[in-house]
Amino acid sequence: MTKTKLTVLTRAGLHTRPASMIVKVANRYKSSIHFEYENANINAKSIMGIITLGAVYRAEITCICEGEDEKELSEEIKALFEKRFEEE
């Protein structure tokens, strides 16, 4: 299991565009991926799950990946967050 702390750096939070980018990346991997934020734990391969998470600007999210390619998945998701989903 790989756990990574991520910070939402997009001013609008995790809205539809970032959520769809996360799902697109996540679904290329076999490993499971979940986001924890406040009291919620969602499947990050679900666009609706990500949107309903309600993660706002500067929110701290825990990304949990588990499976045979968890490290690669975790690194690619981390890069998306660090690049602000190419919005800025």
PDB file of N, CA and C in Angstrom:
ATOM      1  N   MET A   1       0.842  -1.177   0.000  1.00  0.00           N
ATOM      2  CA  MET A   1       0.000   0.000   0.000  1.00  0.00           C
ATOM      3  C   MET A   1       0.892   1.248   0.000  1.00  0.00           C
ATOM      4  N   THR A   2       0.541   2.213  -0.848  1.00  0.00           N
ATOM      5  CA  THR A   2       1.264   3.471  -0.937  1.00  0.00           C
ATOM      6  C   THR A   2       0.321   4.600  -0.540  1.00  0.00           C
ATOM      7  N   LYS A   3       0.738   5.386   0.463  1.00  0.00           N
ATOM      8  CA  LYS A   3      -0.050   6.544   0.900  1.00  0.00           C
ATOM      9  C   LYS A   3       0.719   7.808   0.564  1.00  0.00           C
ATOM     10  N   THR A   4       0.016   8.767  -0.029  1.00  0.00           N
ATOM     11  CA  THR A   4       0.629  10.031  -0.410  1.00  0.00           C
ATOM     12  C   THR A   4      -0.279  11.177   0.007  1.00  0.00           C
ATOM     13  N   LYS A   5       0.299  12.211   0.600  1.00  0.00           N
ATOM     14  CA  LYS A   5      -0.457  13.424   0.936  1.00  0.00           C
ATOM     15  C   LYS A   5      -0.435  14.342  -0.284  1.00  0.00           C
ATOM     16  N   LEU A   6      -1.606  14.802  -0.696  1.00  0.00           N
ATOM     17  CA  LEU A   6      -1.735  15.685  -1.844  1.00  0.00           C
ATOM     18  C   LEU A   6      -2.438  16.966  -1.413  1.00  0.00           C
ATOM     19  N   THR A   7      -2.071  18.070  -2.043  1.00  0.00           N
ATOM     20  CA  THR A   7      -2.729  19.349  -1.777  1.00  0.00           C
ATOM     21  C   THR A   7      -3.393  19.828  -3.059  1.00  0.00           C
ATOM     22  N   VAL A   8      -4.661  20.208  -2.952  1.00  0.00           N
ATOM     23  CA  VAL A   8      -5.398  20.730  -4.094  1.00  0.00           C
ATOM     24  C   VAL A   8      -4.924  22.164  -4.347  1.00  0.00           C
ATOM     25  N   LEU A   9      -4.300  22.396  -5.491  1.00  0.00           N
ATOM     26  CA  LEU A   9      -3.736  23.706  -5.803  1.00  0.00           C
ATOM     27  C   LEU A   9      -4.536  24.474  -6.853  1.00  0.00           C
ATOM     28  N   THR A  10      -5.634  23.891  -7.321  1.00  0.00           N
ATOM     29  CA  THR A  10      -6.495  24.592  -8.273  1.00  0.00           C
ATOM     30  C   THR A  10      -7.513  25.410  -7.484  1.00  0.00           C
ATOM     31  N   ARG A  11      -7.667  26.664  -7.861  1.00  0.00           N
ATOM     32  CA  ARG A  11      -8.535  27.590  -7.104  1.00  0.00           C
ATOM     33  C   ARG A  11      -9.980  27.107  -7.000  1.00  0.00           C
ATOM     34  N   ALA A  12     -10.455  26.382  -7.997  1.00  0.00           N
ATOM     35  CA  ALA A  12     -11.840  25.900  -7.989  1.00  0.00           C
ATOM     36  C   ALA A  12     -11.978  24.541  -7.288  1.00  0.00           C
ATOM     37  N   GLY A  13     -10.905  24.028  -6.719  1.00  0.00           N
ATOM     38  CA  GLY A  13     -10.955  22.725  -6.055  1.00  0.00           C
ATOM     39  C   GLY A  13     -10.983  21.589  -7.063  1.00  0.00           C
ATOM     40  N   LEU A  14     -11.424  20.437  -6.613  1.00  0.00           N
ATOM     41  CA  LEU A  14     -11.511  19.279  -7.508  1.00  0.00           C
ATOM     42  C   LEU A  14     -12.867  19.288  -8.210  1.00  0.00           C
ATOM     43  N   HIS A  15     -12.944  20.034  -9.298  1.00  0.00           N
ATOM     44  CA  HIS A  15     -14.178  20.111 -10.080  1.00  0.00           C
ATOM     45  C   HIS A  15     -14.114  19.081 -11.212  1.00  0.00           C
ATOM     46  N   THR A  16     -14.982  19.191 -12.178  1.00  0.00           N
ATOM     47  CA  THR A  16     -15.146  18.173 -13.221  1.00  0.00           C
ATOM     48  C   THR A  16     -13.884  17.898 -14.025  1.00  0.00           C
ATOM     49  N   ARG A  17     -13.187  18.942 -14.476  1.00  0.00           N
ATOM     50  CA  ARG A  17     -12.006  18.725 -15.324  1.00  0.00           C
ATOM     51  C   ARG A  17     -10.899  17.960 -14.584  1.00  0.00           C
ATOM     52  N   PRO A  18     -10.476  18.417 -13.397  1.00  0.00           N
ATOM     53  CA  PRO A  18      -9.455  17.645 -12.676  1.00  0.00           C
ATOM     54  C   PRO A  18      -9.930  16.225 -12.345  1.00  0.00           C
ATOM     55  N   ALA A  19     -11.202  16.100 -11.975  1.00  0.00           N
ATOM     56  CA  ALA A  19     -11.738  14.775 -11.643  1.00  0.00           C
ATOM     57  C   ALA A  19     -11.645  13.837 -12.837  1.00  0.00           C
ATOM     58  N   SER A  20     -11.978  14.339 -14.028  1.00  0.00           N
ATOM     59  CA  SER A  20     -11.913  13.482 -15.210  1.00  0.00           C
ATOM     60  C   SER A  20     -10.467  13.107 -15.541  1.00  0.00           C
ATOM     61  N   MET A  21      -9.528  14.021 -15.300  1.00  0.00           N
ATOM     62  CA  MET A  21      -8.117  13.707 -15.533  1.00  0.00           C
ATOM     63  C   MET A  21      -7.629  12.631 -14.572  1.00  0.00           C
ATOM     64  N   ILE A  22      -8.040  12.719 -13.315  1.00  0.00           N
ATOM     65  CA  ILE A  22      -7.659  11.712 -12.315  1.00  0.00           C
ATOM     66  C   ILE A  22      -8.201  10.345 -12.721  1.00  0.00           C
ATOM     67  N   VAL A  23      -9.479  10.295 -13.083  1.00  0.00           N
ATOM     68  CA  VAL A  23     -10.118   9.025 -13.464  1.00  0.00           C
ATOM     69  C   VAL A  23      -9.451   8.430 -14.701  1.00  0.00           C
ATOM     70  N   LYS A  24      -9.125   9.273 -15.662  1.00  0.00           N
ATOM     71  CA  LYS A  24      -8.473   8.798 -16.891  1.00  0.00           C
ATOM     72  C   LYS A  24      -7.134   8.131 -16.563  1.00  0.00           C
ATOM     73  N   VAL A  25      -6.346   8.770 -15.719  1.00  0.00           N
ATOM     74  CA  VAL A  25      -5.053   8.201 -15.312  1.00  0.00           C
ATOM     75  C   VAL A  25      -5.271   6.933 -14.490  1.00  0.00           C
ATOM     76  N   ALA A  26      -6.130   7.015 -13.481  1.00  0.00           N
ATOM     77  CA  ALA A  26      -6.349   5.893 -12.562  1.00  0.00           C
ATOM     78  C   ALA A  26      -6.806   4.629 -13.271  1.00  0.00           C
ATOM     79  N   ASN A  27      -7.627   4.787 -14.290  1.00  0.00           N
ATOM     80  CA  ASN A  27      -8.160   3.618 -14.986  1.00  0.00           C
ATOM     81  C   ASN A  27      -7.160   2.945 -15.920  1.00  0.00           C
ATOM     82  N   ARG A  28      -5.986   3.539 -16.097  1.00  0.00           N
ATOM     83  CA  ARG A  28      -4.932   2.888 -16.881  1.00  0.00           C
ATOM     84  C   ARG A  28      -4.151   1.883 -16.033  1.00  0.00           C
ATOM     85  N   TYR A  29      -4.390   1.877 -14.747  1.00  0.00           N
ATOM     86  CA  TYR A  29      -3.648   1.017 -13.826  1.00  0.00           C
ATOM     87  C   TYR A  29      -4.552  -0.063 -13.240  1.00  0.00           C
ATOM     88  N   LYS A  30      -3.930  -1.149 -12.824  1.00  0.00           N
ATOM     89  CA  LYS A  30      -4.666  -2.256 -12.213  1.00  0.00           C
ATOM     90  C   LYS A  30      -4.928  -2.011 -10.733  1.00  0.00           C
ATOM     91  N   SER A  31      -4.063  -1.255 -10.094  1.00  0.00           N
ATOM     92  CA  SER A  31      -4.180  -1.001  -8.656  1.00  0.00           C
ATOM     93  C   SER A  31      -5.446  -0.229  -8.319  1.00  0.00           C
ATOM     94  N   SER A  32      -5.910  -0.419  -7.093  1.00  0.00           N
ATOM     95  CA  SER A  32      -7.032   0.386  -6.599  1.00  0.00           C
ATOM     96  C   SER A  32      -6.487   1.714  -6.102  1.00  0.00           C
ATOM     97  N   ILE A  33      -7.336   2.734  -6.117  1.00  0.00           N
ATOM     98  CA  ILE A  33      -6.944   4.054  -5.637  1.00  0.00           C
ATOM     99  C   ILE A  33      -8.131   4.681  -4.917  1.00  0.00           C
ATOM    100  N   HIS A  34      -7.850   5.191  -3.729  1.00  0.00           N
ATOM    101  CA  HIS A  34      -8.874   5.863  -2.925  1.00  0.00           C
ATOM    102  C   HIS A  34      -8.331   7.187  -2.429  1.00  0.00           C
ATOM    103  N   PHE A  35      -9.228   8.153  -2.270  1.00  0.00           N
ATOM    104  CA  PHE A  35      -8.888   9.438  -1.669  1.00  0.00           C
ATOM    105  C   PHE A  35      -9.605   9.539  -0.338  1.00  0.00           C
ATOM    106  N   GLU A  36      -8.881  10.013   0.673  1.00  0.00           N
ATOM    107  CA  GLU A  36      -9.481  10.307   1.969  1.00  0.00           C
ATOM    108  C   GLU A  36      -9.414  11.805   2.192  1.00  0.00           C
ATOM    109  N   TYR A  37     -10.541  12.389   2.548  1.00  0.00           N
ATOM    110  CA  TYR A  37     -10.617  13.822   2.835  1.00  0.00           C
ATOM    111  C   TYR A  37     -11.697  14.021   3.882  1.00  0.00           C
ATOM    112  N   GLU A  38     -11.312  14.667   4.964  1.00  0.00           N
ATOM    113  CA  GLU A  38     -12.191  14.838   6.109  1.00  0.00           C
ATOM    114  C   GLU A  38     -12.696  13.455   6.520  1.00  0.00           C
ATOM    115  N   ASN A  39     -13.987  13.212   6.514  1.00  0.00           N
ATOM    116  CA  ASN A  39     -14.503  11.908   6.948  1.00  0.00           C
ATOM    117  C   ASN A  39     -14.897  11.011   5.789  1.00  0.00           C
ATOM    118  N   ALA A  40     -14.499  11.386   4.576  1.00  0.00           N
ATOM    119  CA  ALA A  40     -14.904  10.616   3.396  1.00  0.00           C
ATOM    120  C   ALA A  40     -13.741   9.787   2.853  1.00  0.00           C
ATOM    121  N   ASN A  41     -14.073   8.634   2.296  1.00  0.00           N
ATOM    122  CA  ASN A  41     -13.128   7.757   1.624  1.00  0.00           C
ATOM    123  C   ASN A  41     -13.810   7.319   0.331  1.00  0.00           C
ATOM    124  N   ILE A  42     -13.256   7.757  -0.809  1.00  0.00           N
ATOM    125  CA  ILE A  42     -13.922   7.467  -2.083  1.00  0.00           C
ATOM    126  C   ILE A  42     -12.996   6.727  -3.042  1.00  0.00           C
ATOM    127  N   ASN A  43     -13.606   6.027  -3.977  1.00  0.00           N
ATOM    128  CA  ASN A  43     -12.880   5.358  -5.049  1.00  0.00           C
ATOM    129  C   ASN A  43     -12.503   6.425  -6.077  1.00  0.00           C
ATOM    130  N   ALA A  44     -11.209   6.648  -6.282  1.00  0.00           N
ATOM    131  CA  ALA A  44     -10.757   7.696  -7.200  1.00  0.00           C
ATOM    132  C   ALA A  44     -10.806   7.266  -8.661  1.00  0.00           C
ATOM    133  N   LYS A  45     -11.401   6.113  -8.944  1.00  0.00           N
ATOM    134  CA  LYS A  45     -11.644   5.724 -10.334  1.00  0.00           C
ATOM    135  C   LYS A  45     -13.071   6.108 -10.735  1.00  0.00           C
ATOM    136  N   SER A  46     -13.750   6.825  -9.837  1.00  0.00           N
ATOM    137  CA  SER A  46     -15.124   7.270 -10.064  1.00  0.00           C
ATOM    138  C   SER A  46     -15.176   8.793 -10.098  1.00  0.00           C
ATOM    139  N   ILE A  47     -15.585   9.347 -11.238  1.00  0.00           N
ATOM    140  CA  ILE A  47     -15.650  10.803 -11.365  1.00  0.00           C
ATOM    141  C   ILE A  47     -16.645  11.398 -10.370  1.00  0.00           C
ATOM    142  N   MET A  48     -17.769  10.737 -10.173  1.00  0.00           N
ATOM    143  CA  MET A  48     -18.764  11.243  -9.222  1.00  0.00           C
ATOM    144  C   MET A  48     -18.232  11.180  -7.787  1.00  0.00           C
ATOM    145  N   GLY A  49     -17.479  10.136  -7.479  1.00  0.00           N
ATOM    146  CA  GLY A  49     -16.884  10.038  -6.153  1.00  0.00           C
ATOM    147  C   GLY A  49     -15.956  11.210  -5.867  1.00  0.00           C
ATOM    148  N   ILE A  50     -15.135  11.546  -6.844  1.00  0.00           N
ATOM    149  CA  ILE A  50     -14.179  12.649  -6.675  1.00  0.00           C
ATOM    150  C   ILE A  50     -14.907  13.980  -6.522  1.00  0.00           C
ATOM    151  N   ILE A  51     -15.905  14.212  -7.352  1.00  0.00           N
ATOM    152  CA  ILE A  51     -16.642  15.477  -7.288  1.00  0.00           C
ATOM    153  C   ILE A  51     -17.385  15.610  -5.958  1.00  0.00           C
ATOM    154  N   THR A  52     -18.010  14.531  -5.510  1.00  0.00           N
ATOM    155  CA  THR A  52     -18.761  14.597  -4.252  1.00  0.00           C
ATOM    156  C   THR A  52     -17.851  14.677  -3.026  1.00  0.00           C
ATOM    157  N   LEU A  53     -16.578  14.446  -3.210  1.00  0.00           N
ATOM    158  CA  LEU A  53     -15.616  14.590  -2.112  1.00  0.00           C
ATOM    159  C   LEU A  53     -15.623  16.029  -1.589  1.00  0.00           C
ATOM    160  N   GLY A  54     -15.840  16.982  -2.483  1.00  0.00           N
ATOM    161  CA  GLY A  54     -15.929  18.376  -2.081  1.00  0.00           C
ATOM    162  C   GLY A  54     -14.605  18.987  -1.651  1.00  0.00           C
ATOM    163  N   ALA A  55     -13.511  18.517  -2.236  1.00  0.00           N
ATOM    164  CA  ALA A  55     -12.185  19.035  -1.880  1.00  0.00           C
ATOM    165  C   ALA A  55     -11.986  20.418  -2.489  1.00  0.00           C
ATOM    166  N   VAL A  56     -11.744  21.398  -1.645  1.00  0.00           N
ATOM    167  CA  VAL A  56     -11.591  22.788  -2.055  1.00  0.00           C
ATOM    168  C   VAL A  56     -10.116  23.161  -2.190  1.00  0.00           C
ATOM    169  N   TYR A  57      -9.873  24.387  -2.626  1.00  0.00           N
ATOM    170  CA  TYR A  57      -8.518  24.913  -2.770  1.00  0.00           C
ATOM    171  C   TYR A  57      -7.739  24.745  -1.468  1.00  0.00           C
ATOM    172  N   ARG A  58      -6.547  24.234  -1.586  1.00  0.00           N
ATOM    173  CA  ARG A  58      -5.617  23.970  -0.481  1.00  0.00           C
ATOM    174  C   ARG A  58      -6.045  22.830   0.453  1.00  0.00           C
ATOM    175  N   ALA A  59      -7.031  22.040   0.029  1.00  0.00           N
ATOM    176  CA  ALA A  59      -7.439  20.871   0.813  1.00  0.00           C
ATOM    177  C   ALA A  59      -6.311  19.847   0.814  1.00  0.00           C
ATOM    178  N   GLU A  60      -6.119  19.186   1.935  1.00  0.00           N
ATOM    179  CA  GLU A  60      -5.128  18.119   2.070  1.00  0.00           C
ATOM    180  C   GLU A  60      -5.856  16.785   1.914  1.00  0.00           C
ATOM    181  N   ILE A  61      -5.469  16.034   0.909  1.00  0.00           N
ATOM    182  CA  ILE A  61      -6.092  14.741   0.612  1.00  0.00           C
ATOM    183  C   ILE A  61      -5.045  13.644   0.783  1.00  0.00           C
ATOM    184  N   THR A  62      -5.476  12.504   1.298  1.00  0.00           N
ATOM    185  CA  THR A  62      -4.602  11.340   1.353  1.00  0.00           C
ATOM    186  C   THR A  62      -4.981  10.421   0.197  1.00  0.00           C
ATOM    187  N   CYS A  63      -3.991  10.080  -0.617  1.00  0.00           N
ATOM    188  CA  CYS A  63      -4.182   9.172  -1.744  1.00  0.00           C
ATOM    189  C   CYS A  63      -3.638   7.811  -1.333  1.00  0.00           C
ATOM    190  N   ILE A  64      -4.465   6.786  -1.433  1.00  0.00           N
ATOM    191  CA  ILE A  64      -4.068   5.434  -1.064  1.00  0.00           C
ATOM    192  C   ILE A  64      -4.175   4.537  -2.286  1.00  0.00           C
ATOM    193  N   CYS A  65      -3.038   4.007  -2.721  1.00  0.00           N
ATOM    194  CA  CYS A  65      -2.987   3.101  -3.868  1.00  0.00           C
ATOM    195  C   CYS A  65      -2.567   1.725  -3.368  1.00  0.00           C
ATOM    196  N   GLU A  66      -3.190   0.698  -3.932  1.00  0.00           N
ATOM    197  CA  GLU A  66      -2.854  -0.663  -3.524  1.00  0.00           C
ATOM    198  C   GLU A  66      -2.961  -1.607  -4.706  1.00  0.00           C
ATOM    199  N   GLY A  67      -1.863  -2.318  -4.969  1.00  0.00           N
ATOM    200  CA  GLY A  67      -1.851  -3.282  -6.064  1.00  0.00           C
ATOM    201  C   GLY A  67      -0.485  -3.377  -6.696  1.00  0.00           C
ATOM    202  N   GLU A  68      -0.415  -4.112  -7.780  1.00  0.00           N
ATOM    203  CA  GLU A  68       0.871  -4.426  -8.410  1.00  0.00           C
ATOM    204  C   GLU A  68       1.587  -3.219  -9.011  1.00  0.00           C
ATOM    205  N   ASP A  69       0.842  -2.197  -9.420  1.00  0.00           N
ATOM    206  CA  ASP A  69       1.471  -1.011 -10.013  1.00  0.00           C
ATOM    207  C   ASP A  69       1.166   0.253  -9.198  1.00  0.00           C
ATOM    208  N   GLU A  70       1.018   0.071  -7.889  1.00  0.00           N
ATOM    209  CA  GLU A  70       0.625   1.173  -7.000  1.00  0.00           C
ATOM    210  C   GLU A  70       1.611   2.338  -6.996  1.00  0.00           C
ATOM    211  N   LYS A  71       2.894   2.041  -7.054  1.00  0.00           N
ATOM    212  CA  LYS A  71       3.904   3.094  -6.995  1.00  0.00           C
ATOM    213  C   LYS A  71       3.818   4.006  -8.220  1.00  0.00           C
ATOM    214  N   GLU A  72       3.687   3.414  -9.399  1.00  0.00           N
ATOM    215  CA  GLU A  72       3.586   4.193 -10.634  1.00  0.00           C
ATOM    216  C   GLU A  72       2.309   5.031 -10.652  1.00  0.00           C
ATOM    217  N   LEU A  73       1.208   4.431 -10.221  1.00  0.00           N
ATOM    218  CA  LEU A  73      -0.069   5.139 -10.149  1.00  0.00           C
ATOM    219  C   LEU A  73       0.035   6.320  -9.190  1.00  0.00           C
ATOM    220  N   SER A  74       0.583   6.095  -8.026  1.00  0.00           N
ATOM    221  CA  SER A  74       0.741   7.142  -7.025  1.00  0.00           C
ATOM    222  C   SER A  74       1.575   8.304  -7.559  1.00  0.00           C
ATOM    223  N   GLU A  75       2.668   7.992  -8.228  1.00  0.00           N
ATOM    224  CA  GLU A  75       3.547   9.037  -8.779  1.00  0.00           C
ATOM    225  C   GLU A  75       2.849   9.849  -9.865  1.00  0.00           C
ATOM    226  N   GLU A  76       2.070   9.191 -10.719  1.00  0.00           N
ATOM    227  CA  GLU A  76       1.402   9.920 -11.800  1.00  0.00           C
ATOM    228  C   GLU A  76       0.285  10.820 -11.250  1.00  0.00           C
ATOM    229  N   ILE A  77      -0.435  10.346 -10.259  1.00  0.00           N
ATOM    230  CA  ILE A  77      -1.481  11.161  -9.632  1.00  0.00           C
ATOM    231  C   ILE A  77      -0.846  12.352  -8.913  1.00  0.00           C
ATOM    232  N   LYS A  78       0.245  12.115  -8.216  1.00  0.00           N
ATOM    233  CA  LYS A  78       0.958  13.196  -7.522  1.00  0.00           C
ATOM    234  C   LYS A  78       1.397  14.267  -8.519  1.00  0.00           C
ATOM    235  N   ALA A  79       1.888  13.857  -9.673  1.00  0.00           N
ATOM    236  CA  ALA A  79       2.323  14.799 -10.704  1.00  0.00           C
ATOM    237  C   ALA A  79       1.156  15.646 -11.217  1.00  0.00           C
ATOM    238  N   LEU A  80      -0.031  15.047 -11.362  1.00  0.00           N
ATOM    239  CA  LEU A  80      -1.210  15.807 -11.783  1.00  0.00           C
ATOM    240  C   LEU A  80      -1.504  16.941 -10.803  1.00  0.00           C
ATOM    241  N   PHE A  81      -1.480  16.609  -9.508  1.00  0.00           N
ATOM    242  CA  PHE A  81      -1.746  17.610  -8.477  1.00  0.00           C
ATOM    243  C   PHE A  81      -0.674  18.696  -8.483  1.00  0.00           C
ATOM    244  N   GLU A  82       0.583  18.296  -8.603  1.00  0.00           N
ATOM    245  CA  GLU A  82       1.678  19.268  -8.584  1.00  0.00           C
ATOM    246  C   GLU A  82       1.641  20.197  -9.790  1.00  0.00           C
ATOM    247  N   LYS A  83       1.174  19.698 -10.930  1.00  0.00           N
ATOM    248  CA  LYS A  83       1.074  20.520 -12.143  1.00  0.00           C
ATOM    249  C   LYS A  83      -0.234  21.298 -12.206  1.00  0.00           C
ATOM    250  N   ARG A  84      -1.010  21.218 -11.119  1.00  0.00           N
ATOM    251  CA  ARG A  84      -2.303  21.924 -11.025  1.00  0.00           C
ATOM    252  C   ARG A  84      -3.237  21.548 -12.168  1.00  0.00           C
ATOM    253  N   PHE A  85      -3.155  20.307 -12.594  1.00  0.00           N
ATOM    254  CA  PHE A  85      -4.012  19.782 -13.660  1.00  0.00           C
ATOM    255  C   PHE A  85      -3.926  20.632 -14.917  1.00  0.00           C
ATOM    256  N   GLU A  86      -2.744  21.227 -15.114  1.00  0.00           N
ATOM    257  CA  GLU A  86      -2.439  22.040 -16.294  1.00  0.00           C
ATOM    258  C   GLU A  86      -3.398  23.214 -16.474  1.00  0.00           C
ATOM    259  N   GLU A  87      -3.946  23.715 -15.364  1.00  0.00           N
ATOM    260  CA  GLU A  87      -4.885  24.836 -15.425  1.00  0.00           C
ATOM    261  C   GLU A  87      -4.218  26.182 -15.298  1.00  0.00           C
ATOM    262  N   GLU A  88      -2.997  26.243 -14.792  1.00  0.00           N
ATOM    263  CA  GLU A  88      -2.336  27.536 -14.578  1.00  0.00           C
ATOM    264  C   GLU A  88      -0.998  27.568 -15.242  1.00  0.00           C
TER     265      GLU A  88
END
